[in-house]
């Protein structure tokens, strides 16, 4: 059966352009070209799409309002189309927090005609979204399992938490970071797969809801207890040891990594600087980024937590880590902050 896609955009040109792009791919069928949010809400129960692509900024009912109504009335996997602007990034982040599976940047803004540049990414994300049982709510679960003895860090004041996430990670981070206590005795490093500007909006949003301080990382930031640092989109984040303590370095090397920022690059760096004094956390996301880095962390004696399948949007990254045998405990996302607190306080 083909993947049925409904396109919602108030631009006739964009509707036709995106439709042509999707229809050219075998195994996909465009079942509706919708010009506004009200029509989208009427059409979803009739057309029954597997995935909806939804423009963030539309006349009348905007994309965020439309998304909220879809989630209330006919929960369906939604991919947002976002302009590369500060406003677009902020709205897109809210959309991810409220149920959108993922988003696509319009290459040059809302009037871009260069959709070919995002074709492969869009097709891949539609395929992933079509597999999501929408909406996987973050609800209590008893799926946590501990392998071996209770996890503890012997030297919390000399330790670090390193977190990697991708698809669905915005909501997962929202369920973890705000629950960490203000007195957290160690720093937190976060790699979330997002482009530049979007990671800044993520940091600002998490900071406004958290007891610890959250910021987009800058070159030379000294890692301090009770602070979380999010890798900027487009740059790898690593840790180095200096006379004043561990600090952050950002650059585009190694160039060979498929993703930038890369969870693997961050994990490997943390392993060299902190070793056994590390809590590695792997959250929802497609692919296997993070597993290779966790293997290095485990050889150093680090402790590793993975998000469970029931609360993941995509169980790809955690599944790969579990199957590789590098995970100590698998937990629902809402229990991860509590587990970290038990380990370090």
Foldseek 3Di string as FASTA:
>chain_A
DAQEEEEEAQDPVVLVLVQVLQVVDPRHDHQYHHNDLVVVLVCCVPSVGQEYEAEQQHPDQGRQNSLLVCLVPPFHAYEYEFEPDLVRLLSVLVSLQRFHQYYDYQPHGDPDPVCVVCSVVVVVVSVLRSPFPPPLDQDDDPPKDFDDDQAAFPCQLLAEEEEEEEGSVLNLCLLAAQPAAQVANFEYEYEYQDAASNQQSSQVVSCVRHSAHGGAFDFFAATGGSYYYYDGHQWAWAWDADPVGIGIHIDCPPVPDPTVNFSLRHLQRSCVRHAQRYEYEYEADADAGNQNSLVSSVVSNHAYEYEDPSNHSHCHHVVNNVVVVSHRMYYRSNCVNVSVVVRND
